[in-house]
N, C-alpha and C. Protein backbone atom coordinates (compact mmCIF):
# COMPACT_ATOMS: atom_id res chain seq x y z
N UNK A 1 0.96 -1.21 -0.06
CA UNK A 1 -0.04 -0.28 0.21
C UNK A 1 1.08 1.20 -0.04
N UNK A 2 0.54 2.03 -0.49
CA UNK A 2 0.92 3.79 -1.31
C UNK A 2 1.08 4.63 0.27
N UNK A 3 2.01 4.98 0.68
CA UNK A 3 1.53 5.83 2.01
C UNK A 3 0.96 6.92 0.82
N UNK A 4 0.28 7.89 2.10
CA UNK A 4 0.15 9.38 1.63
C UNK A 4 0.85 10.15 0.86
N UNK A 5 2.13 10.39 0.94
CA UNK A 5 2.68 11.17 0.48
C UNK A 5 2.85 11.00 -1.25
N UNK A 6 2.63 9.31 -1.62
CA UNK A 6 3.06 9.36 -3.23
C UNK A 6 1.63 9.65 -3.35
N UNK A 7 0.56 9.65 -2.84
CA UNK A 7 -0.64 9.99 -3.33
C UNK A 7 -0.66 11.10 -3.78
N UNK A 8 -0.53 12.08 -2.82
CA UNK A 8 -0.28 13.76 -3.63
C UNK A 8 0.44 13.87 -4.55
N UNK A 9 -0.29 15.04 -6.29
CA UNK A 9 0.72 15.20 -6.41
C UNK A 9 1.58 15.93 -6.44
N UNK A 10 2.69 15.97 -7.06
CA UNK A 10 3.92 16.42 -6.41
C UNK A 10 3.36 17.88 -7.59
N UNK A 11 3.71 18.97 -6.74
CA UNK A 11 3.58 20.44 -6.97
C UNK A 11 5.07 20.93 -8.01
N UNK A 12 6.18 19.89 -7.95
CA UNK A 12 6.97 20.99 -8.87
C UNK A 12 7.90 19.53 -9.44
N UNK A 13 8.24 19.95 -10.66
CA UNK A 13 9.12 19.05 -11.71
C UNK A 13 10.37 19.35 -12.02
N UNK A 14 10.90 18.62 -12.17
CA UNK A 14 12.37 18.16 -12.53
C UNK A 14 12.38 19.03 -13.97
N UNK A 15 13.98 19.80 -14.44
CA UNK A 15 13.84 19.86 -15.99
C UNK A 15 14.05 18.99 -16.67
N UNK A 16 14.07 17.81 -16.82
CA UNK A 16 13.38 16.34 -17.23
C UNK A 16 12.10 16.71 -18.32
N UNK A 17 11.36 16.55 -16.56
CA UNK A 17 9.60 16.82 -17.20
C UNK A 17 9.51 18.10 -17.54
N UNK A 18 9.30 19.78 -17.15
CA UNK A 18 9.30 20.52 -18.03
C UNK A 18 9.74 19.93 -19.17
N UNK A 19 10.95 20.05 -19.84
CA UNK A 19 11.69 19.58 -21.10
C UNK A 19 10.44 18.89 -21.62
N UNK A 20 10.28 17.22 -21.05
CA UNK A 20 9.59 16.33 -21.68
C UNK A 20 8.30 17.28 -22.43
N UNK A 21 7.38 17.63 -21.04
CA UNK A 21 6.41 18.31 -21.17
C UNK A 21 6.09 19.80 -22.51
N UNK A 22 7.19 20.49 -22.03
CA UNK A 22 6.67 21.66 -22.69
C UNK A 22 7.29 21.21 -24.55
N UNK A 23 8.39 20.15 -24.76
CA UNK A 23 8.69 19.38 -25.82
C UNK A 23 10.27 20.68 -26.32
N UNK A 24 10.71 20.96 -25.72
CA UNK A 24 11.87 21.21 -25.42
C UNK A 24 13.09 20.61 -24.84
N UNK A 25 13.99 21.31 -25.29
CA UNK A 25 15.78 20.48 -24.82
C UNK A 25 15.47 20.59 -23.57
N UNK A 26 16.35 20.27 -22.82
CA UNK A 26 16.63 20.67 -21.37
C UNK A 26 17.55 21.80 -21.91
N UNK A 27 18.49 22.16 -22.85
CA UNK A 27 19.31 23.28 -22.63
C UNK A 27 18.61 24.45 -22.45
N UNK A 28 17.08 24.62 -23.83
CA UNK A 28 16.70 25.36 -23.84
C UNK A 28 15.90 25.65 -22.30
N UNK A 29 15.64 24.90 -21.29
CA UNK A 29 15.03 25.12 -20.45
C UNK A 29 15.87 26.12 -19.68
N UNK A 30 17.39 25.54 -20.00
CA UNK A 30 18.23 26.23 -18.96
C UNK A 30 18.65 27.92 -18.98
N UNK A 31 18.79 27.80 -20.50
CA UNK A 31 18.54 28.58 -21.47
C UNK A 31 17.51 30.37 -20.53
N UNK A 32 16.47 29.66 -20.48
CA UNK A 32 15.64 30.41 -20.49
C UNK A 32 15.77 31.02 -19.17
N UNK A 33 16.36 29.99 -18.29
CA UNK A 33 16.33 30.11 -16.65
C UNK A 33 17.89 31.39 -16.87
N UNK A 34 18.61 30.99 -17.57
CA UNK A 34 19.56 32.17 -17.20
C UNK A 34 19.26 33.37 -17.84
N UNK A 35 18.21 33.79 -18.61
CA UNK A 35 17.72 34.85 -19.11
C UNK A 35 16.60 35.76 -17.82
N UNK A 36 16.35 34.70 -17.27
CA UNK A 36 15.53 35.16 -16.15
C UNK A 36 14.13 35.06 -16.37
N UNK A 37 13.37 34.53 -17.72
CA UNK A 37 12.72 34.04 -17.88
C UNK A 37 11.72 33.17 -17.18
N UNK A 38 12.19 32.26 -16.82
CA UNK A 38 11.95 31.37 -15.57
C UNK A 38 12.64 31.17 -14.76
N UNK A 39 11.88 30.47 -13.09
CA UNK A 39 12.91 30.60 -12.04
C UNK A 39 13.06 28.73 -11.85
N UNK A 40 13.38 28.24 -11.63
CA UNK A 40 13.52 27.42 -10.35
C UNK A 40 14.28 27.55 -8.96
N UNK A 41 14.34 26.30 -8.02
CA UNK A 41 14.84 26.00 -6.51
C UNK A 41 15.69 24.86 -6.43
N UNK A 42 16.75 24.93 -5.82
CA UNK A 42 17.11 23.95 -5.41
C UNK A 42 16.56 23.16 -4.27
N UNK A 43 16.88 21.71 -4.40
CA UNK A 43 16.26 21.31 -3.71
C UNK A 43 17.39 20.64 -2.54
N UNK A 44 17.36 19.31 -1.56
CA UNK A 44 18.50 19.73 -0.75
C UNK A 44 19.15 18.55 -0.95
N UNK A 45 19.61 18.25 -2.28
CA UNK A 45 19.95 17.43 -3.60
C UNK A 45 20.81 17.73 -4.48
N UNK A 46 20.58 19.96 -4.13
CA UNK A 46 21.25 20.59 -5.44
C UNK A 46 20.93 20.26 -6.50
N UNK A 47 18.99 19.90 -7.15
CA UNK A 47 18.63 19.48 -8.23
C UNK A 47 18.01 20.52 -8.25
N UNK A 48 17.54 21.03 -9.72
CA UNK A 48 16.74 22.18 -10.09
C UNK A 48 15.34 21.79 -10.10
N UNK A 49 14.16 22.21 -9.36
CA UNK A 49 12.97 22.24 -9.38
C UNK A 49 12.25 23.44 -9.89
N UNK A 50 11.06 22.91 -10.24
CA UNK A 50 10.28 23.89 -11.05
C UNK A 50 8.63 23.78 -10.39
N UNK A 51 8.54 24.69 -10.46
CA UNK A 51 6.63 25.25 -9.55
C UNK A 51 5.76 24.75 -11.15
N UNK A 52 4.73 24.35 -11.47
CA UNK A 52 4.29 23.40 -12.27
C UNK A 52 4.00 24.98 -13.38
N UNK A 53 3.72 26.16 -12.73
CA UNK A 53 3.60 27.09 -13.49
C UNK A 53 4.35 27.49 -14.96
N UNK A 54 5.50 27.07 -13.90
CA UNK A 54 6.65 27.29 -15.10
C UNK A 54 6.04 26.81 -16.83
N UNK A 55 5.29 25.27 -16.83
CA UNK A 55 4.86 25.23 -18.08
C UNK A 55 4.13 26.00 -18.95
N UNK A 56 2.88 26.85 -17.79
CA UNK A 56 2.42 27.78 -19.08
C UNK A 56 3.61 29.29 -19.08
N UNK A 57 4.03 29.14 -18.69
CA UNK A 57 5.11 30.23 -18.98
C UNK A 57 6.41 29.79 -20.00
N UNK A 58 5.86 28.78 -20.17
CA UNK A 58 7.66 28.41 -21.22
C UNK A 58 6.54 28.01 -22.01
N UNK A 59 4.82 28.32 -22.10
CA UNK A 59 4.17 27.91 -23.25
C UNK A 59 4.31 29.18 -23.92
N UNK A 60 3.78 30.05 -22.98
CA UNK A 60 3.86 31.52 -23.93
C UNK A 60 5.38 32.61 -24.11
N UNK A 61 6.09 31.96 -23.68
CA UNK A 61 7.83 32.32 -24.38
C UNK A 61 7.79 31.85 -25.52
N UNK A 62 6.88 30.64 -26.14
CA UNK A 62 6.78 29.49 -27.68
C UNK A 62 6.81 30.55 -28.24
N UNK A 63 5.52 30.73 -27.95
CA UNK A 63 4.55 31.25 -29.15
C UNK A 63 4.95 32.67 -29.18
N UNK A 64 5.62 33.28 -28.41
CA UNK A 64 5.90 34.53 -28.39
C UNK A 64 7.00 34.95 -29.18
N UNK A 65 8.17 34.02 -29.40
CA UNK A 65 9.16 33.71 -30.04
C UNK A 65 8.73 33.23 -31.27
N UNK A 66 8.01 32.27 -31.45
CA UNK A 66 7.42 31.82 -32.77
C UNK A 66 6.51 33.22 -33.68
N UNK A 67 6.50 34.58 -33.21
CA UNK A 67 5.55 35.40 -33.85
C UNK A 67 6.79 36.15 -33.74
N UNK A 68 7.53 36.15 -33.23
CA UNK A 68 8.20 37.08 -33.43
C UNK A 68 8.96 38.07 -32.28
N UNK A 69 8.64 38.11 -31.32
CA UNK A 69 8.79 38.55 -30.57
C UNK A 69 10.26 38.45 -29.84
N UNK A 70 11.44 39.56 -29.83
CA UNK A 70 12.43 39.34 -28.99
C UNK A 70 12.61 39.17 -27.24
N UNK A 71 13.65 38.35 -26.82
CA UNK A 71 13.47 37.42 -25.70
C UNK A 71 13.51 38.72 -24.87
N UNK A 72 14.28 40.00 -24.80
CA UNK A 72 14.15 40.85 -24.25
C UNK A 72 12.51 41.11 -23.84
N UNK A 73 12.01 41.40 -24.85
CA UNK A 73 10.34 41.85 -25.01
C UNK A 73 9.60 40.80 -24.02
N UNK A 74 9.95 39.64 -24.57
CA UNK A 74 9.13 38.60 -23.76
C UNK A 74 9.56 38.71 -22.06
N UNK A 75 10.93 38.81 -21.54
CA UNK A 75 11.01 39.03 -20.32
C UNK A 75 10.57 40.07 -19.83
N UNK A 76 10.21 41.31 -20.10
CA UNK A 76 9.95 42.03 -20.28
C UNK A 76 8.20 42.19 -19.37
N UNK A 77 7.56 41.29 -20.82
CA UNK A 77 6.60 41.06 -20.25
C UNK A 77 5.89 40.34 -18.72
N UNK A 78 6.61 39.18 -19.21
CA UNK A 78 6.73 38.03 -18.06
C UNK A 78 7.52 38.86 -16.40
N UNK A 79 8.06 39.95 -16.54
CA UNK A 79 8.67 40.45 -15.07
C UNK A 79 6.99 41.41 -14.99
N UNK A 80 5.98 41.61 -15.26
CA UNK A 80 4.88 42.18 -14.95
C UNK A 80 3.83 41.30 -14.61
N UNK A 81 4.08 39.97 -14.99
CA UNK A 81 2.82 38.20 -14.12
C UNK A 81 3.46 38.67 -12.99
N UNK A 82 2.72 38.18 -11.68
CA UNK A 82 2.80 37.77 -10.95
C UNK A 82 3.74 36.18 -11.12
N UNK A 83 4.52 36.35 -9.79
CA UNK A 83 5.18 34.84 -9.20
C UNK A 83 4.21 34.24 -8.95
N UNK A 84 4.22 32.73 -8.80
CA UNK A 84 3.92 31.46 -8.14
C UNK A 84 2.57 31.15 -9.31
N UNK A 85 2.17 31.86 -9.66
CA UNK A 85 0.69 31.28 -10.25
C UNK A 85 1.22 31.15 -11.94
N UNK A 86 0.65 30.44 -12.65
CA UNK A 86 0.54 30.49 -14.23
C UNK A 86 0.41 32.09 -14.65
N UNK A 87 0.43 32.03 -15.71
CA UNK A 87 -0.65 33.07 -16.49
C UNK A 87 -1.74 33.13 -17.01
N UNK A 88 -2.38 33.67 -16.50
CA UNK A 88 -4.42 33.27 -16.97
C UNK A 88 -4.46 34.16 -18.63
N UNK A 89 -5.56 34.03 -18.49
CA UNK A 89 -5.65 34.22 -20.17
C UNK A 89 -5.82 35.44 -20.36
N UNK A 90 -6.48 36.11 -18.88
CA UNK A 90 -6.29 37.64 -18.65
C UNK A 90 -5.01 38.74 -19.13
N UNK A 91 -4.09 37.71 -18.17
CA UNK A 91 -3.18 37.95 -18.54
C UNK A 91 -2.45 37.88 -20.10
N UNK A 92 -2.72 37.10 -21.04
CA UNK A 92 -1.91 36.61 -21.82
C UNK A 92 -2.71 37.45 -23.11
N UNK A 93 -3.94 38.24 -22.54
CA UNK A 93 -5.02 38.78 -23.10
C UNK A 93 -4.09 40.43 -23.15
N UNK A 94 -3.47 40.98 -22.30
CA UNK A 94 -3.11 42.52 -21.55
C UNK A 94 -1.36 41.88 -23.14
N UNK A 95 -1.01 40.54 -22.68
CA UNK A 95 0.09 41.07 -23.20
C UNK A 95 0.07 40.73 -25.11
N UNK A 96 -0.88 39.95 -24.94
CA UNK A 96 -0.36 39.99 -26.55
C UNK A 96 -1.66 40.54 -27.58
N UNK A 97 -2.29 41.85 -26.85
CA UNK A 97 -2.71 43.41 -27.41
C UNK A 97 -1.82 44.60 -27.00
N UNK A 98 -0.40 44.40 -26.42
CA UNK A 98 0.76 45.11 -26.77
C UNK A 98 1.66 44.12 -28.13
N UNK A 99 1.33 43.07 -27.94
CA UNK A 99 2.50 42.45 -29.08
C UNK A 99 1.80 42.88 -30.51
N UNK A 100 0.06 42.88 -30.67
CA UNK A 100 -0.63 42.99 -31.66
C UNK A 100 0.12 44.61 -32.47
N UNK A 101 -0.01 45.38 -31.75
CA UNK A 101 0.31 46.68 -32.10
C UNK A 101 2.20 46.73 -32.75
N UNK A 102 3.43 45.50 -32.67
CA UNK A 102 4.24 45.58 -32.61
C UNK A 102 4.16 44.69 -34.30
N UNK A 103 3.13 43.31 -34.10
CA UNK A 103 3.05 42.79 -35.15
C UNK A 103 2.60 43.34 -36.43
N UNK A 104 1.43 44.04 -36.36
CA UNK A 104 0.97 45.06 -37.16
C UNK A 104 1.78 46.20 -37.93
N UNK A 105 2.67 46.84 -37.26
CA UNK A 105 3.49 47.64 -37.96
C UNK A 105 4.71 47.16 -38.63
N UNK A 106 5.03 45.30 -37.90
CA UNK A 106 5.81 44.62 -38.56
C UNK A 106 6.08 44.39 -40.28
N UNK A 107 4.26 43.42 -39.92
CA UNK A 107 3.79 43.46 -40.93
C UNK A 107 3.42 44.40 -42.00
N UNK A 108 3.16 45.44 -41.55
CA UNK A 108 3.04 46.92 -42.36
C UNK A 108 4.17 47.31 -42.89
N UNK A 109 5.32 46.83 -42.43
CA UNK A 109 7.14 46.86 -43.05
C UNK A 109 7.22 46.18 -43.72
N UNK A 110 7.26 44.47 -43.58
CA UNK A 110 7.10 43.42 -44.25
C UNK A 110 6.66 43.96 -45.45
N UNK A 111 5.38 44.20 -45.59
CA UNK A 111 4.80 44.81 -46.69
C UNK A 111 5.23 45.49 -47.85
N UNK A 112 5.34 46.32 -47.34
CA UNK A 112 6.10 47.99 -47.97
C UNK A 112 7.42 47.12 -48.38
N UNK A 113 8.82 46.29 -47.93
CA UNK A 113 9.43 45.53 -48.63
C UNK A 113 9.41 44.94 -49.88
N UNK A 114 8.63 43.90 -49.48
CA UNK A 114 7.85 43.14 -50.49
C UNK A 114 7.24 43.40 -51.77
N UNK A 115 6.94 44.17 -51.72
CA UNK A 115 5.65 45.30 -52.73
C UNK A 115 6.82 46.06 -53.30
N UNK A 116 7.97 46.10 -53.15
CA UNK A 116 8.85 47.15 -53.75
C UNK A 116 10.11 46.03 -53.79
N UNK A 117 10.66 45.00 -53.24
CA UNK A 117 11.76 44.43 -53.22
C UNK A 117 12.20 44.51 -55.08
N UNK A 118 11.44 44.36 -56.11
CA UNK A 118 12.18 44.71 -57.38
C UNK A 118 12.07 45.94 -58.22
N UNK A 119 11.42 46.85 -57.51
CA UNK A 119 11.49 47.74 -58.19
C UNK A 119 12.56 48.49 -58.44
N UNK A 120 13.60 48.60 -58.18
CA UNK A 120 14.63 49.11 -58.27
C UNK A 120 15.87 47.96 -59.14
N UNK A 121 16.35 47.56 -58.83
CA UNK A 121 16.78 45.94 -59.44
C UNK A 121 16.09 45.82 -60.74
N UNK A 122 14.63 45.55 -60.55
CA UNK A 122 14.18 44.88 -61.37
C UNK A 122 13.57 45.79 -62.48
N UNK A 123 14.46 46.75 -62.76
CA UNK A 123 14.00 47.73 -64.07
C UNK A 123 15.37 46.91 -64.71
N UNK A 124 16.42 46.87 -64.44
CA UNK A 124 17.42 45.59 -65.47
C UNK A 124 18.95 47.42 -65.22
N UNK A 125 18.86 47.89 -64.78
CA UNK A 125 19.74 48.90 -64.79
C UNK A 125 21.03 48.63 -64.01
N UNK A 126 20.92 47.64 -62.58
CA UNK A 126 21.37 47.74 -61.43
C UNK A 126 22.06 48.62 -60.79
N UNK A 127 21.37 49.99 -61.23
CA UNK A 127 22.09 50.89 -60.14
C UNK A 127 20.97 51.31 -59.39
N UNK A 128 21.47 50.94 -58.10
CA UNK A 128 20.76 51.35 -56.64
C UNK A 128 21.21 53.11 -56.54
N UNK A 129 22.56 53.35 -56.69
CA UNK A 129 22.58 54.87 -56.72
C UNK A 129 21.76 55.91 -57.25
N UNK A 130 22.03 55.51 -58.74
CA UNK A 130 21.71 56.46 -59.87
C UNK A 130 20.56 56.18 -61.08
N UNK A 131 19.62 55.51 -60.38
CA UNK A 131 18.50 54.36 -60.92
C UNK A 131 17.61 55.77 -61.47
N UNK A 132 17.26 55.95 -62.82
CA UNK A 132 16.75 57.15 -63.37
C UNK A 132 15.23 57.05 -63.07
N UNK A 133 14.66 56.12 -63.43
CA UNK A 133 13.63 55.24 -63.00
C UNK A 133 12.48 55.78 -61.18
N UNK A 134 13.54 55.19 -60.03
CA UNK A 134 13.41 55.31 -58.86
C UNK A 134 13.97 56.01 -58.02
N UNK A 135 15.33 56.14 -57.82
CA UNK A 135 16.08 57.02 -57.36
C UNK A 135 16.68 58.07 -57.93
N UNK A 136 16.56 59.24 -59.47
CA UNK A 136 17.49 60.16 -60.03
C UNK A 136 18.12 61.21 -59.39
N UNK A 137 19.65 61.24 -59.81
CA UNK A 137 20.29 61.68 -59.11
C UNK A 137 21.11 61.67 -57.60
N UNK A 138 20.47 60.15 -57.55
CA UNK A 138 20.54 59.51 -55.86
C UNK A 138 19.75 60.50 -55.19
N UNK A 139 18.59 60.77 -55.26
CA UNK A 139 18.06 62.18 -54.45
C UNK A 139 17.69 61.25 -53.03
N UNK A 140 17.26 60.42 -53.02
CA UNK A 140 17.18 59.42 -51.70
C UNK A 140 18.49 59.34 -50.91
N UNK A 141 19.54 59.81 -51.52
CA UNK A 141 21.05 59.35 -50.86
C UNK A 141 20.79 60.57 -49.87
N UNK A 142 20.86 61.99 -50.41
CA UNK A 142 21.15 62.85 -49.94
C UNK A 142 19.73 62.90 -49.17
N UNK A 143 18.81 62.51 -48.65
CA UNK A 143 17.91 62.45 -47.34
C UNK A 143 19.12 61.54 -45.86
N UNK A 144 19.73 61.15 -46.33
CA UNK A 144 20.73 60.09 -45.64
C UNK A 144 21.19 58.42 -45.50
N UNK A 145 21.22 58.01 -45.37
CA UNK A 145 21.57 56.53 -45.38
C UNK A 145 21.07 56.13 -44.72
N UNK A 146 20.70 54.71 -44.87
CA UNK A 146 19.38 53.21 -45.47
C UNK A 146 18.61 53.30 -46.06
N UNK A 147 17.55 52.51 -45.85
CA UNK A 147 16.78 51.90 -47.08
C UNK A 147 15.74 53.68 -46.98
N UNK A 148 15.72 53.95 -47.17
CA UNK A 148 14.66 55.23 -47.21
C UNK A 148 13.43 54.79 -47.84
N UNK A 149 13.04 54.50 -48.44
CA UNK A 149 11.74 54.36 -48.91
C UNK A 149 10.92 53.57 -47.95
N UNK A 150 11.80 52.29 -47.76
CA UNK A 150 11.38 51.65 -46.54
C UNK A 150 10.85 52.53 -45.55
N UNK A 151 11.86 53.23 -45.05
CA UNK A 151 11.88 54.03 -43.53
C UNK A 151 10.30 54.82 -43.93
N UNK A 152 10.36 55.55 -44.99
CA UNK A 152 8.64 56.61 -45.44
C UNK A 152 8.05 55.31 -44.42
N UNK A 153 7.74 54.41 -45.14
CA UNK A 153 6.69 53.39 -45.07
C UNK A 153 6.17 53.44 -43.80
N UNK A 154 7.47 53.50 -42.39
CA UNK A 154 7.33 53.42 -40.90
C UNK A 154 6.70 54.58 -40.69
N UNK A 155 6.88 56.12 -41.38
CA UNK A 155 5.88 56.96 -40.58
C UNK A 155 4.74 57.09 -40.15
């Protein structure tokens, strides 16, 4: 017969369990911890133990990374969440609303880039500096360095 302690669900997970349940490599879990995105504690045997809420935090990190949110921004967002509980739907709604604005801006920049990708080189002259159709007398170069047309689309 099992004792009572064995019947209670464990409140903490090993790094291997977090990796298996999240679909990440153990090294990724350690990386996230080193970056301050998740936290663990050490048990009496000096082994890492993770609270169960880390699984939802790791899922949030994976989704945010997949849509292109930089780790620094993910870390800042996670820092706004209370410790000791899994992020809620309300938390996700708040974080994703902020990220939607960033994604919309990125989509607009990428769409502009896609739509104008072949404009100058596509004319056949192969001269970005002196293209008579797109950039006569290098007028854009007088405005400063960098991708001027693309940057105009960001304003």
